[in-house]
Amino acid sequence: MSESETGVRCMWMRGGTSKGGYFLADDLPADRDGFLLRVMGSPDPRQIDGMGGAHPLTSKVAVVRKSERAGVDVDYLFLQVFVDQPIVTDAQNCGNILAGIGPFAVERGLVPVKGEKTEVSIFMENTGQIAIATVETPGGKVNYKGDARIDGVPGTAAPVPIVFADTAGSSCGALLPTGNAVDEIEGIACTLIDNGMPCVVMRADALGIKGTESPKELEANQELRARLEAIRLKAGPMMNLGDVAKKSVPKMTMVSQATAGGAISTRTFIPHSCHDAIGVLGAVSVATACLLPAGPASELAVIPDGDEKLLSIEHPTGEMSVIATMKDGEVYRAAVLRTARKLFDGVVFGD
């Protein structure tokens, strides 16, 4: 029987502040991208004929397989399914969907339970880097209930701490792909940075905004959007990303002084919709930009003392805390706290 008759095994999960379909690599059909477009209902602004939620944050896919790499449990490929275009891209990673990989791997039997808590080592295929997620597994099963709270998600859930190491330059080849902490593009001082997510960091006031506006207000600002896209298209080749006209990177982050006791405040386009929060790896890149000796973020950030720095990255719906461990004056390792929840497990149809 064909996939159109039997469906394809899939688990839908919320990972961090995103959600999407989690698949075992071997379960996907040969026409993977066409299948995923049909599953999500793309291209269509409402994605009415599919599972997508009419927003980039709810039109995501994780493809997981047992890893053959030494010391690694699973390989994870992230795919962004565009909402209103027939595009499926692996040009970026996703640290929010990453939060569901550990639980999914345990649920699917790819990783054995190792006690009350199970560490899952994850190779991120998009960037060639490794993350280690800790999953609560009391009684031999994944636990999703708990008291951990993350901004952008209602209620509480079990914590999923994730540690990243060696993420610098994962997509662009270097933490600062131009070799500069500051580059001027279209008359705007920018930090082009990649510590797990390629980002262009700019001062909000340099773009004529306060940095406290709502995502809806910023999306309605056509002049701002045009300027951001002009900068993004020039930044792409400078960041070794090539022509980014049809890519979802780099992310465009405007920074301003923190307003709620954090290190810095952010407003991020991803790249054409304004994020209600900030991506996990985007937050890591922005936190790293705060710790540079110069640049838009470092000019505004409030930095704590010590080699282990807790940086609260404020965003429209709260904050994301990044713990940056310094070594020889540079960010050596970063950790974040995320949560995840299984929404359904079954089969999904792509025809």
C-alpha atoms as a PDB file:
ATOM      1  CA  MET A   1       0.000   0.000   0.000  1.00  0.00           C
ATOM      2  CA  SER A   2       1.205   3.559  -0.734  1.00  0.00           C
ATOM      3  CA  GLU A   3       1.800   6.337   1.799  1.00  0.00           C
ATOM      4  CA  SER A   4      -1.396   7.975   0.551  1.00  0.00           C
ATOM      5  CA  GLU A   5      -3.343   4.957   1.833  1.00  0.00           C
ATOM      6  CA  THR A   6      -1.463   4.124   5.029  1.00  0.00           C
ATOM      7  CA  GLY A   7       0.007   7.466   6.060  1.00  0.00           C
ATOM      8  CA  VAL A   8       3.505   8.015   7.455  1.00  0.00           C
ATOM      9  CA  ARG A   9       4.389   7.552  11.111  1.00  0.00           C
ATOM     10  CA  CYS A  10       4.871  10.906  12.794  1.00  0.00           C
ATOM     11  CA  MET A  11       4.947  12.509  16.216  1.00  0.00           C
ATOM     12  CA  TRP A  12       3.825  16.123  16.499  1.00  0.00           C
ATOM     13  CA  MET A  13       5.614  17.934  19.291  1.00  0.00           C
ATOM     14  CA  ARG A  14       6.100  21.346  20.766  1.00  0.00           C
ATOM     15  CA  GLY A  15       9.786  21.981  21.132  1.00  0.00           C
ATOM     16  CA  GLY A  16      10.562  25.204  23.005  1.00  0.00           C
ATOM     17  CA  THR A  17       8.496  27.959  21.379  1.00  0.00           C
ATOM     18  CA  SER A  18       8.049  26.094  18.086  1.00  0.00           C
ATOM     19  CA  LYS A  19       6.163  22.990  17.025  1.00  0.00           C
ATOM     20  CA  GLY A  20       6.220  20.592  14.132  1.00  0.00           C
ATOM     21  CA  GLY A  21       6.405  17.038  12.851  1.00  0.00           C
ATOM     22  CA  TYR A  22       9.081  14.628  14.074  1.00  0.00           C
ATOM     23  CA  PHE A  23       9.878  11.754  11.708  1.00  0.00           C
ATOM     24  CA  LEU A  24      12.263   8.824  11.637  1.00  0.00           C
ATOM     25  CA  ALA A  25      14.387   9.272   8.524  1.00  0.00           C
ATOM     26  CA  ASP A  26      13.552   5.796   7.204  1.00  0.00           C
ATOM     27  CA  ASP A  27       9.818   6.493   7.415  1.00  0.00           C
ATOM     28  CA  LEU A  28       9.853   9.375   4.941  1.00  0.00           C
ATOM     29  CA  PRO A  29       9.006   8.691   1.273  1.00  0.00           C
ATOM     30  CA  ALA A  30      11.416   9.260  -1.618  1.00  0.00           C
ATOM     31  CA  ASP A  31       9.680  12.547  -2.494  1.00  0.00           C
ATOM     32  CA  ARG A  32      10.453  13.940   0.942  1.00  0.00           C
ATOM     33  CA  ASP A  33      10.081  17.640   0.215  1.00  0.00           C
ATOM     34  CA  GLY A  34       6.906  17.269  -1.833  1.00  0.00           C
ATOM     35  CA  PHE A  35       5.437  15.094   0.882  1.00  0.00           C
ATOM     36  CA  LEU A  36       6.284  17.598   3.626  1.00  0.00           C
ATOM     37  CA  LEU A  37       4.805  20.492   1.644  1.00  0.00           C
ATOM     38  CA  ARG A  38       1.559  18.547   1.364  1.00  0.00           C
ATOM     39  CA  VAL A  39       1.648  17.569   5.039  1.00  0.00           C
ATOM     40  CA  MET A  40       1.999  21.208   6.085  1.00  0.00           C
ATOM     41  CA  GLY A  41      -0.434  22.543   3.473  1.00  0.00           C
ATOM     42  CA  SER A  42       2.134  24.779   1.770  1.00  0.00           C
ATOM     43  CA  PRO A  43       2.123  27.016  -0.140  1.00  0.00           C
ATOM     44  CA  ASP A  44      -0.890  28.728   1.386  1.00  0.00           C
ATOM     45  CA  PRO A  45      -0.937  31.631   3.891  1.00  0.00           C
ATOM     46  CA  ARG A  46      -3.404  29.711   6.076  1.00  0.00           C
ATOM     47  CA  GLN A  47      -1.989  26.224   5.405  1.00  0.00           C
ATOM     48  CA  ILE A  48      -5.635  25.228   5.566  1.00  0.00           C
ATOM     49  CA  ASP A  49      -5.079  21.893   3.788  1.00  0.00           C
ATOM     50  CA  GLY A  50      -2.349  20.680   6.123  1.00  0.00           C
ATOM     51  CA  MET A  51      -0.952  20.533   9.635  1.00  0.00           C
ATOM     52  CA  GLY A  52       0.972  23.815   9.523  1.00  0.00           C
ATOM     53  CA  GLY A  53      -0.112  26.653  11.787  1.00  0.00           C
ATOM     54  CA  ALA A  54       0.208  29.476   9.220  1.00  0.00           C
ATOM     55  CA  HIS A  55       3.458  30.731  10.766  1.00  0.00           C
ATOM     56  CA  PRO A  56       7.133  29.809  10.302  1.00  0.00           C
ATOM     57  CA  LEU A  57       7.356  28.751  13.963  1.00  0.00           C
ATOM     58  CA  THR A  58       4.638  26.123  13.458  1.00  0.00           C
ATOM     59  CA  SER A  59       5.756  24.859  10.052  1.00  0.00           C
ATOM     60  CA  LYS A  60       8.843  22.895  11.056  1.00  0.00           C
ATOM     61  CA  VAL A  61      10.097  19.339  10.685  1.00  0.00           C
ATOM     62  CA  ALA A  62      12.670  17.180  12.485  1.00  0.00           C
ATOM     63  CA  VAL A  63      14.161  14.149  10.753  1.00  0.00           C
ATOM     64  CA  VAL A  64      15.893  11.781  13.174  1.00  0.00           C
ATOM     65  CA  ARG A  65      17.981   8.640  12.804  1.00  0.00           C
ATOM     66  CA  LYS A  66      20.164   6.511  15.060  1.00  0.00           C
ATOM     67  CA  SER A  67      23.687   7.819  14.687  1.00  0.00           C
ATOM     68  CA  GLU A  68      26.678   5.830  13.487  1.00  0.00           C
ATOM     69  CA  ARG A  69      29.046   8.472  14.874  1.00  0.00           C
ATOM     70  CA  ALA A  70      31.226   7.589  17.831  1.00  0.00           C
ATOM     71  CA  GLY A  71      29.828   8.959  21.077  1.00  0.00           C
ATOM     72  CA  VAL A  72      26.646  10.269  19.439  1.00  0.00           C
ATOM     73  CA  ASP A  73      23.164   8.840  19.998  1.00  0.00           C
ATOM     74  CA  VAL A  74      21.135  10.344  17.155  1.00  0.00           C
ATOM     75  CA  ASP A  75      21.490  12.531  14.074  1.00  0.00           C
ATOM     76  CA  TYR A  76      18.975  15.367  13.696  1.00  0.00           C
ATOM     77  CA  LEU A  77      18.171  17.204  10.482  1.00  0.00           C
ATOM     78  CA  PHE A  78      15.987  20.307  10.769  1.00  0.00           C
ATOM     79  CA  LEU A  79      13.793  21.329   7.842  1.00  0.00           C
ATOM     80  CA  GLN A  80      11.931  24.640   7.584  1.00  0.00           C
ATOM     81  CA  VAL A  81       8.806  24.343   5.470  1.00  0.00           C
ATOM     82  CA  PHE A  82       7.880  27.752   4.120  1.00  0.00           C
ATOM     83  CA  VAL A  83       4.275  28.769   4.647  1.00  0.00           C
ATOM     84  CA  ASP A  84       3.433  30.650   1.442  1.00  0.00           C
ATOM     85  CA  GLN A  85       6.137  29.310  -0.895  1.00  0.00           C
ATOM     86  CA  PRO A  86       6.820  25.746  -2.115  1.00  0.00           C
ATOM     87  CA  ILE A  87      10.182  25.642  -0.316  1.00  0.00           C
ATOM     88  CA  VAL A  88      11.668  23.144   2.131  1.00  0.00           C
ATOM     89  CA  THR A  89      15.106  24.219   3.331  1.00  0.00           C
ATOM     90  CA  ASP A  90      17.857  22.832   5.535  1.00  0.00           C
ATOM     91  CA  ALA A  91      19.829  26.100   5.462  1.00  0.00           C
ATOM     92  CA  GLN A  92      19.545  26.623   9.227  1.00  0.00           C
ATOM     93  CA  ASN A  93      19.356  24.779  12.505  1.00  0.00           C
ATOM     94  CA  CYS A  94      16.546  25.101  15.054  1.00  0.00           C
ATOM     95  CA  GLY A  95      17.299  25.028  18.747  1.00  0.00           C
ATOM     96  CA  ASN A  96      13.640  25.001  19.723  1.00  0.00           C
ATOM     97  CA  ILE A  97      12.716  21.913  17.704  1.00  0.00           C
ATOM     98  CA  LEU A  98      15.979  20.475  19.084  1.00  0.00           C
ATOM     99  CA  ALA A  99      14.333  20.452  22.529  1.00  0.00           C
ATOM    100  CA  GLY A 100      12.003  17.669  21.374  1.00  0.00           C
ATOM    101  CA  ILE A 101      14.718  15.468  19.840  1.00  0.00           C
ATOM    102  CA  GLY A 102      15.792  13.842  23.117  1.00  0.00           C
ATOM    103  CA  PRO A 103      12.240  12.896  24.176  1.00  0.00           C
ATOM    104  CA  PHE A 104      11.422  11.706  20.638  1.00  0.00           C
ATOM    105  CA  ALA A 105      14.573   9.570  20.465  1.00  0.00           C
ATOM    106  CA  VAL A 106      13.710   7.872  23.750  1.00  0.00           C
ATOM    107  CA  GLU A 107      10.052   7.413  22.745  1.00  0.00           C
ATOM    108  CA  ARG A 108      11.069   5.765  19.454  1.00  0.00           C
ATOM    109  CA  GLY A 109      13.577   3.460  21.153  1.00  0.00           C
ATOM    110  CA  LEU A 110      16.633   5.031  19.520  1.00  0.00           C
ATOM    111  CA  VAL A 111      18.140   5.749  22.945  1.00  0.00           C
ATOM    112  CA  PRO A 112      17.730   3.462  25.977  1.00  0.00           C
ATOM    113  CA  VAL A 113      16.577   4.937  29.262  1.00  0.00           C
ATOM    114  CA  LYS A 114      19.573   5.426  31.544  1.00  0.00           C
ATOM    115  CA  GLY A 115      17.865   6.120  34.859  1.00  0.00           C
ATOM    116  CA  GLU A 116      15.778   8.939  36.296  1.00  0.00           C
ATOM    117  CA  LYS A 117      17.392  11.217  33.726  1.00  0.00           C
ATOM    118  CA  THR A 118      18.709  10.269  30.290  1.00  0.00           C
ATOM    119  CA  GLU A 119      21.341  12.257  28.430  1.00  0.00           C
ATOM    120  CA  VAL A 120      20.931  12.249  24.659  1.00  0.00           C
ATOM    121  CA  SER A 121      23.867  13.272  22.484  1.00  0.00           C
ATOM    122  CA  ILE A 122      22.571  14.849  19.278  1.00  0.00           C
ATOM    123  CA  PHE A 123      24.513  15.526  16.086  1.00  0.00           C
ATOM    124  CA  MET A 124      22.914  18.508  14.335  1.00  0.00           C
ATOM    125  CA  GLU A 125      23.252  17.687  10.639  1.00  0.00           C
ATOM    126  CA  ASN A 126      22.504  21.239   9.491  1.00  0.00           C
ATOM    127  CA  THR A 127      25.576  22.639  11.192  1.00  0.00           C
ATOM    128  CA  GLY A 128      27.766  19.635  12.012  1.00  0.00           C
ATOM    129  CA  GLN A 129      27.697  20.381  15.741  1.00  0.00           C
ATOM    130  CA  ILE A 130      26.751  18.387  18.832  1.00  0.00           C
ATOM    131  CA  ALA A 131      24.255  19.227  21.572  1.00  0.00           C
ATOM    132  CA  ILE A 132      23.541  17.241  24.721  1.00  0.00           C
ATOM    133  CA  ALA A 133      19.955  17.254  25.990  1.00  0.00           C
ATOM    134  CA  THR A 134      18.903  15.844  29.360  1.00  0.00           C
ATOM    135  CA  VAL A 135      15.474  14.181  29.392  1.00  0.00           C
ATOM    136  CA  GLU A 136      13.554  13.218  32.531  1.00  0.00           C
ATOM    137  CA  THR A 137      12.802   9.469  32.356  1.00  0.00           C
ATOM    138  CA  PRO A 138      11.425   8.313  35.716  1.00  0.00           C
ATOM    139  CA  GLY A 139      10.094   4.771  35.673  1.00  0.00           C
ATOM    140  CA  GLY A 140      11.614   4.169  32.261  1.00  0.00           C
ATOM    141  CA  LYS A 141       9.370   6.611  30.410  1.00  0.00           C
ATOM    142  CA  VAL A 142       9.692  10.192  29.194  1.00  0.00           C
ATOM    143  CA  ASN A 143       8.140  12.657  31.607  1.00  0.00           C
ATOM    144  CA  TYR A 144       6.665  15.820  30.107  1.00  0.00           C
ATOM    145  CA  LYS A 145       5.141  17.255  33.287  1.00  0.00           C
ATOM    146  CA  GLY A 146       7.093  19.591  35.528  1.00  0.00           C
ATOM    147  CA  ASP A 147       7.585  23.048  36.941  1.00  0.00           C
ATOM    148  CA  ALA A 148       9.907  24.532  34.324  1.00  0.00           C
ATOM    149  CA  ARG A 149       8.541  27.628  32.646  1.00  0.00           C
ATOM    150  CA  ILE A 150       9.815  29.300  29.483  1.00  0.00           C
ATOM    151  CA  ASP A 151       8.546  32.573  28.113  1.00  0.00           C
ATOM    152  CA  GLY A 152       6.410  32.224  25.012  1.00  0.00           C
ATOM    153  CA  VAL A 153       4.807  28.964  26.205  1.00  0.00           C
ATOM    154  CA  PRO A 154       1.811  28.852  28.569  1.00  0.00           C
ATOM    155  CA  GLY A 155       1.983  26.704  31.672  1.00  0.00           C
ATOM    156  CA  THR A 156       4.879  24.570  32.857  1.00  0.00           C
ATOM    157  CA  ALA A 157       6.593  21.352  31.779  1.00  0.00           C
ATOM    158  CA  ALA A 158       9.571  19.132  32.539  1.00  0.00           C
ATOM    159  CA  PRO A 159      12.893  20.901  31.994  1.00  0.00           C
ATOM    160  CA  VAL A 160      15.065  19.936  29.026  1.00  0.00           C
ATOM    161  CA  PRO A 161      18.482  21.551  29.591  1.00  0.00           C
ATOM    162  CA  ILE A 162      20.625  21.670  26.444  1.00  0.00           C
ATOM    163  CA  VAL A 163      24.367  22.254  26.331  1.00  0.00           C
ATOM    164  CA  PHE A 164      26.071  23.472  23.149  1.00  0.00           C
ATOM    165  CA  ALA A 165      29.790  23.433  22.482  1.00  0.00           C
ATOM    166  CA  ASP A 166      31.878  24.341  19.443  1.00  0.00           C
ATOM    167  CA  THR A 167      28.970  25.996  17.646  1.00  0.00           C
ATOM    168  CA  ALA A 168      30.983  29.017  16.483  1.00  0.00           C
ATOM    169  CA  GLY A 169      30.888  29.333  12.714  1.00  0.00           C
ATOM    170  CA  SER A 170      28.648  26.300  12.291  1.00  0.00           C
ATOM    171  CA  SER A 171      26.970  27.741   9.179  1.00  0.00           C
ATOM    172  CA  CYS A 172      29.299  30.569   8.151  1.00  0.00           C
ATOM    173  CA  GLY A 173      32.700  29.006   8.798  1.00  0.00           C
ATOM    174  CA  ALA A 174      33.679  31.425  11.568  1.00  0.00           C
ATOM    175  CA  LEU A 175      32.121  33.162  14.553  1.00  0.00           C
ATOM    176  CA  LEU A 176      32.672  36.464  12.740  1.00  0.00           C
ATOM    177  CA  PRO A 177      32.672  35.466   9.055  1.00  0.00           C
ATOM    178  CA  THR A 178      34.031  38.822   7.876  1.00  0.00           C
ATOM    179  CA  GLY A 179      36.649  38.890  10.615  1.00  0.00           C
ATOM    180  CA  ASN A 180      35.127  42.102  11.979  1.00  0.00           C
ATOM    181  CA  ALA A 181      33.035  42.784  15.060  1.00  0.00           C
ATOM    182  CA  VAL A 182      31.374  45.605  13.094  1.00  0.00           C
ATOM    183  CA  ASP A 183      30.586  45.961   9.378  1.00  0.00           C
ATOM    184  CA  GLU A 184      28.655  48.822   7.842  1.00  0.00           C
ATOM    185  CA  ILE A 185      25.848  47.778   5.485  1.00  0.00           C
ATOM    186  CA  GLU A 186      23.418  50.266   3.950  1.00  0.00           C
ATOM    187  CA  GLY A 187      24.753  52.856   6.406  1.00  0.00           C
ATOM    188  CA  ILE A 188      23.970  50.671   9.459  1.00  0.00           C
ATOM    189  CA  ALA A 189      26.585  49.295  11.846  1.00  0.00           C
ATOM    190  CA  CYS A 190      26.083  45.516  11.946  1.00  0.00           C
ATOM    191  CA  THR A 191      27.631  42.574  13.727  1.00  0.00           C
ATOM    192  CA  LEU A 192      27.570  39.551  11.404  1.00  0.00           C
ATOM    193  CA  ILE A 193      27.824  36.601  13.764  1.00  0.00           C
ATOM    194  CA  ASP A 194      27.270  32.838  13.838  1.00  0.00           C
ATOM    195  CA  ASN A 195      27.430  30.985  17.127  1.00  0.00           C
ATOM    196  CA  GLY A 196      24.945  28.325  16.079  1.00  0.00           C
ATOM    197  CA  MET A 197      22.613  30.638  14.116  1.00  0.00           C
ATOM    198  CA  PRO A 198      23.690  33.217  11.518  1.00  0.00           C
ATOM    199  CA  CYS A 199      22.471  36.604  12.745  1.00  0.00           C
ATOM    200  CA  VAL A 200      22.814  40.234  11.736  1.00  0.00           C
ATOM    201  CA  VAL A 201      22.765  42.320  14.920  1.00  0.00           C
ATOM    202  CA  MET A 202      21.917  46.038  14.674  1.00  0.00           C
ATOM    203  CA  ARG A 203      20.904  48.815  17.051  1.00  0.00           C
ATOM    204  CA  ALA A 204      17.171  49.411  16.944  1.00  0.00           C
ATOM    205  CA  ASP A 205      17.602  53.193  17.153  1.00  0.00           C
ATOM    206  CA  ALA A 206      19.871  53.134  14.090  1.00  0.00           C
ATOM    207  CA  LEU A 207      16.875  51.817  12.150  1.00  0.00           C
ATOM    208  CA  GLY A 208      14.520  54.470  13.488  1.00  0.00           C
ATOM    209  CA  ILE A 209      12.658  52.352  16.039  1.00  0.00           C
ATOM    210  CA  LYS A 210      12.735  52.165  19.843  1.00  0.00           C
ATOM    211  CA  GLY A 211      13.094  48.401  20.065  1.00  0.00           C
ATOM    212  CA  THR A 212      10.108  48.101  22.390  1.00  0.00           C
ATOM    213  CA  GLU A 213       7.479  47.849  19.647  1.00  0.00           C
ATOM    214  CA  SER A 214       5.288  44.763  19.295  1.00  0.00           C
ATOM    215  CA  PRO A 215       5.959  42.287  16.486  1.00  0.00           C
ATOM    216  CA  LYS A 216       2.680  43.349  14.882  1.00  0.00           C
ATOM    217  CA  GLU A 217       3.771  46.989  14.830  1.00  0.00           C
ATOM    218  CA  LEU A 218       7.129  46.105  13.319  1.00  0.00           C
ATOM    219  CA  GLU A 219       5.623  43.858  10.661  1.00  0.00           C
ATOM    220  CA  ALA A 220       3.362  46.742   9.629  1.00  0.00           C
ATOM    221  CA  ASN A 221       6.398  49.023   9.179  1.00  0.00           C
ATOM    222  CA  GLN A 222       7.040  48.538   5.472  1.00  0.00           C
ATOM    223  CA  GLU A 223       9.977  50.958   5.376  1.00  0.00           C
ATOM    224  CA  LEU A 224      11.718  49.019   8.154  1.00  0.00           C
ATOM    225  CA  ARG A 225      11.079  45.699   6.451  1.00  0.00           C
ATOM    226  CA  ALA A 226      12.508  46.968   3.180  1.00  0.00           C
ATOM    227  CA  ARG A 227      15.658  48.240   4.914  1.00  0.00           C
ATOM    228  CA  LEU A 228      16.136  44.979   6.783  1.00  0.00           C
ATOM    229  CA  GLU A 229      15.805  42.942   3.609  1.00  0.00           C
ATOM    230  CA  ALA A 230      18.258  45.161   1.759  1.00  0.00           C
ATOM    231  CA  ILE A 231      20.776  44.656   4.567  1.00  0.00           C
ATOM    232  CA  ARG A 232      20.081  40.918   4.699  1.00  0.00           C
ATOM    233  CA  LEU A 233      20.639  40.395   0.985  1.00  0.00           C
ATOM    234  CA  LYS A 234      24.035  42.130   1.208  1.00  0.00           C
ATOM    235  CA  ALA A 235      24.968  40.355   4.446  1.00  0.00           C
ATOM    236  CA  GLY A 236      24.342  36.880   3.015  1.00  0.00           C
ATOM    237  CA  PRO A 237      27.401  36.727   0.725  1.00  0.00           C
ATOM    238  CA  MET A 238      29.513  38.493   3.369  1.00  0.00           C
ATOM    239  CA  MET A 239      28.609  35.676   5.777  1.00  0.00           C
ATOM    240  CA  ASN A 240      29.530  32.956   3.260  1.00  0.00           C
ATOM    241  CA  LEU A 241      25.845  32.092   2.867  1.00  0.00           C
ATOM    242  CA  GLY A 242      25.635  33.062  -0.805  1.00  0.00           C
ATOM    243  CA  ASP A 243      22.394  34.402  -2.252  1.00  0.00           C
ATOM    244  CA  VAL A 244      19.926  34.385   0.659  1.00  0.00           C
ATOM    245  CA  ALA A 245      16.884  35.698  -1.232  1.00  0.00           C
ATOM    246  CA  LYS A 246      15.149  32.328  -0.800  1.00  0.00           C
ATOM    247  CA  LYS A 247      16.848  31.300   2.449  1.00  0.00           C
ATOM    248  CA  SER A 248      15.631  31.625   6.015  1.00  0.00           C
ATOM    249  CA  VAL A 249      19.015  32.891   7.221  1.00  0.00           C
ATOM    250  CA  PRO A 250      20.501  35.133   8.393  1.00  0.00           C
ATOM    251  CA  LYS A 251      18.109  36.238  11.122  1.00  0.00           C
ATOM    252  CA  MET A 252      17.820  39.997  11.574  1.00  0.00           C
ATOM    253  CA  THR A 253      18.029  41.098  15.208  1.00  0.00           C
ATOM    254  CA  MET A 254      17.592  44.669  16.404  1.00  0.00           C
ATOM    255  CA  VAL A 255      18.874  45.330  19.908  1.00  0.00           C
ATOM    256  CA  SER A 256      18.160  47.980  22.509  1.00  0.00           C
ATOM    257  CA  GLN A 257      18.783  48.462  26.209  1.00  0.00           C
ATOM    258  CA  ALA A 258      17.081  45.905  28.432  1.00  0.00           C
ATOM    259  CA  THR A 259      13.862  47.050  30.086  1.00  0.00           C
ATOM    260  CA  ALA A 260      13.238  44.199  32.543  1.00  0.00           C
ATOM    261  CA  GLY A 261      16.588  43.704  34.223  1.00  0.00           C
ATOM    262  CA  GLY A 262      18.123  41.539  31.490  1.00  0.00           C
ATOM    263  CA  ALA A 263      21.314  41.891  29.505  1.00  0.00           C
ATOM    264  CA  ILE A 264      19.738  43.270  26.327  1.00  0.00           C
ATOM    265  CA  SER A 265      16.393  43.573  24.547  1.00  0.00           C
ATOM    266  CA  THR A 266      15.745  42.128  21.087  1.00  0.00           C
ATOM    267  CA  ARG A 267      13.350  42.227  18.164  1.00  0.00           C
ATOM    268  CA  THR A 268      14.085  39.604  15.503  1.00  0.00           C
ATOM    269  CA  PHE A 269      12.848  39.046  11.950  1.00  0.00           C
ATOM    270  CA  ILE A 270      13.135  35.351  10.940  1.00  0.00           C
ATOM    271  CA  PRO A 271      13.734  36.714   8.313  1.00  0.00           C
ATOM    272  CA  HIS A 272      10.463  38.224   7.051  1.00  0.00           C
ATOM    273  CA  SER A 273       8.154  37.691  10.033  1.00  0.00           C
ATOM    274  CA  CYS A 274       8.879  39.315  13.380  1.00  0.00           C
ATOM    275  CA  HIS A 275       9.447  36.610  16.002  1.00  0.00           C
ATOM    276  CA  ASP A 276       7.198  36.725  19.070  1.00  0.00           C
ATOM    277  CA  ALA A 277      10.239  35.520  21.034  1.00  0.00           C
ATOM    278  CA  ILE A 278      13.757  34.608  19.874  1.00  0.00           C
ATOM    279  CA  GLY A 279      15.195  31.318  18.646  1.00  0.00           C
ATOM    280  CA  VAL A 280      17.429  29.302  20.970  1.00  0.00           C
ATOM    281  CA  LEU A 281      20.532  29.465  18.811  1.00  0.00           C
ATOM    282  CA  GLY A 282      19.673  33.026  17.825  1.00  0.00           C
ATOM    283  CA  ALA A 283      19.755  33.907  21.519  1.00  0.00           C
ATOM    284  CA  VAL A 284      23.151  32.195  21.833  1.00  0.00           C
ATOM    285  CA  SER A 285      24.497  34.228  18.900  1.00  0.00           C
ATOM    286  CA  VAL A 286      23.121  37.491  20.317  1.00  0.00           C
ATOM    287  CA  ALA A 287      24.491  36.705  23.785  1.00  0.00           C
ATOM    288  CA  THR A 288      27.883  36.109  22.180  1.00  0.00           C
ATOM    289  CA  ALA A 289      27.622  39.423  20.324  1.00  0.00           C
ATOM    290  CA  CYS A 290      27.049  41.100  23.695  1.00  0.00           C
ATOM    291  CA  LEU A 291      30.413  39.730  24.842  1.00  0.00           C
ATOM    292  CA  LEU A 292      32.436  41.020  21.880  1.00  0.00           C
ATOM    293  CA  PRO A 293      34.805  43.940  22.485  1.00  0.00           C
ATOM    294  CA  ALA A 294      32.791  46.142  20.084  1.00  0.00           C
ATOM    295  CA  GLY A 295      29.542  46.228  18.155  1.00  0.00           C
ATOM    296  CA  PRO A 296      25.883  47.213  18.499  1.00  0.00           C
ATOM    297  CA  ALA A 297      25.109  44.598  21.154  1.00  0.00           C
ATOM    298  CA  SER A 298      28.213  45.135  23.271  1.00  0.00           C
ATOM    299  CA  GLU A 299      27.529  48.899  23.321  1.00  0.00           C
ATOM    300  CA  LEU A 300      24.158  48.339  24.999  1.00  0.00           C
ATOM    301  CA  ALA A 301      24.471  45.126  27.006  1.00  0.00           C
ATOM    302  CA  VAL A 302      24.717  44.786  30.772  1.00  0.00           C
ATOM    303  CA  ILE A 303      27.339  42.084  31.362  1.00  0.00           C
ATOM    304  CA  PRO A 304      27.824  40.229  34.687  1.00  0.00           C
ATOM    305  CA  ASP A 305      31.274  39.511  36.097  1.00  0.00           C
ATOM    306  CA  GLY A 306      32.962  36.109  36.168  1.00  0.00           C
ATOM    307  CA  ASP A 307      33.843  33.406  33.664  1.00  0.00           C
ATOM    308  CA  GLU A 308      30.310  31.960  33.755  1.00  0.00           C
ATOM    309  CA  LYS A 309      27.859  34.633  32.724  1.00  0.00           C
ATOM    310  CA  LEU A 310      24.072  34.371  32.904  1.00  0.00           C
ATOM    311  CA  LEU A 311      22.704  36.599  30.153  1.00  0.00           C
ATOM    312  CA  SER A 312      18.970  37.236  30.007  1.00  0.00           C
ATOM    313  CA  ILE A 313      18.060  37.986  26.382  1.00  0.00           C
ATOM    314  CA  GLU A 314      14.784  39.883  26.462  1.00  0.00           C
ATOM    315  CA  HIS A 315      12.260  39.449  23.636  1.00  0.00           C
ATOM    316  CA  PRO A 316       8.626  40.484  22.980  1.00  0.00           C
ATOM    317  CA  THR A 317       7.080  37.767  25.168  1.00  0.00           C
ATOM    318  CA  GLY A 318       9.679  37.540  27.943  1.00  0.00           C
ATOM    319  CA  GLU A 319      13.295  36.431  28.060  1.00  0.00           C
ATOM    320  CA  MET A 320      15.617  33.547  27.291  1.00  0.00           C
ATOM    321  CA  SER A 321      18.512  32.870  29.626  1.00  0.00           C
ATOM    322  CA  VAL A 322      21.835  31.864  28.113  1.00  0.00           C
ATOM    323  CA  ILE A 323      24.664  30.672  30.347  1.00  0.00           C
ATOM    324  CA  ALA A 324      27.912  31.539  28.582  1.00  0.00           C
ATOM    325  CA  THR A 325      31.117  29.979  29.858  1.00  0.00           C
ATOM    326  CA  MET A 326      34.182  32.028  28.989  1.00  0.00           C
ATOM    327  CA  LYS A 327      37.655  30.674  28.249  1.00  0.00           C
ATOM    328  CA  ASP A 328      40.594  32.858  27.242  1.00  0.00           C
ATOM    329  CA  GLY A 329      38.216  35.786  26.770  1.00  0.00           C
ATOM    330  CA  GLU A 330      35.902  33.966  24.346  1.00  0.00           C
ATOM    331  CA  VAL A 331      32.638  32.044  24.683  1.00  0.00           C
ATOM    332  CA  TYR A 332      33.633  28.399  25.118  1.00  0.00           C
ATOM    333  CA  ARG A 333      30.253  26.830  25.822  1.00  0.00           C
ATOM    334  CA  ALA A 334      26.621  27.911  26.026  1.00  0.00           C
ATOM    335  CA  ALA A 335      23.635  26.292  27.723  1.00  0.00           C
ATOM    336  CA  VAL A 336      19.904  27.007  27.596  1.00  0.00           C
ATOM    337  CA  LEU A 337      16.811  25.658  29.329  1.00  0.00           C
ATOM    338  CA  ARG A 338      13.945  24.509  27.117  1.00  0.00           C
ATOM    339  CA  THR A 339      10.850  22.343  27.508  1.00  0.00           C
ATOM    340  CA  ALA A 340       8.962  20.067  25.118  1.00  0.00           C
ATOM    341  CA  ARG A 341       5.603  18.276  24.966  1.00  0.00           C
ATOM    342  CA  LYS A 342       4.257  15.427  22.884  1.00  0.00           C
ATOM    343  CA  LEU A 343       1.068  16.569  21.133  1.00  0.00           C
ATOM    344  CA  PHE A 344       0.140  13.479  19.132  1.00  0.00           C
ATOM    345  CA  ASP A 345       1.653  10.249  17.894  1.00  0.00           C
ATOM    346  CA  GLY A 346       0.244   8.489  14.873  1.00  0.00           C
ATOM    347  CA  VAL A 347       0.301   8.792  11.106  1.00  0.00           C
ATOM    348  CA  VAL A 348       0.056  11.816   8.847  1.00  0.00           C
ATOM    349  CA  PHE A 349      -1.100  11.887   5.229  1.00  0.00           C
ATOM    350  CA  GLY A 350       0.568  13.763   2.389  1.00  0.00           C
ATOM    351  CA  ASP A 351      -1.952  13.189  -0.397  1.00  0.00           C
END
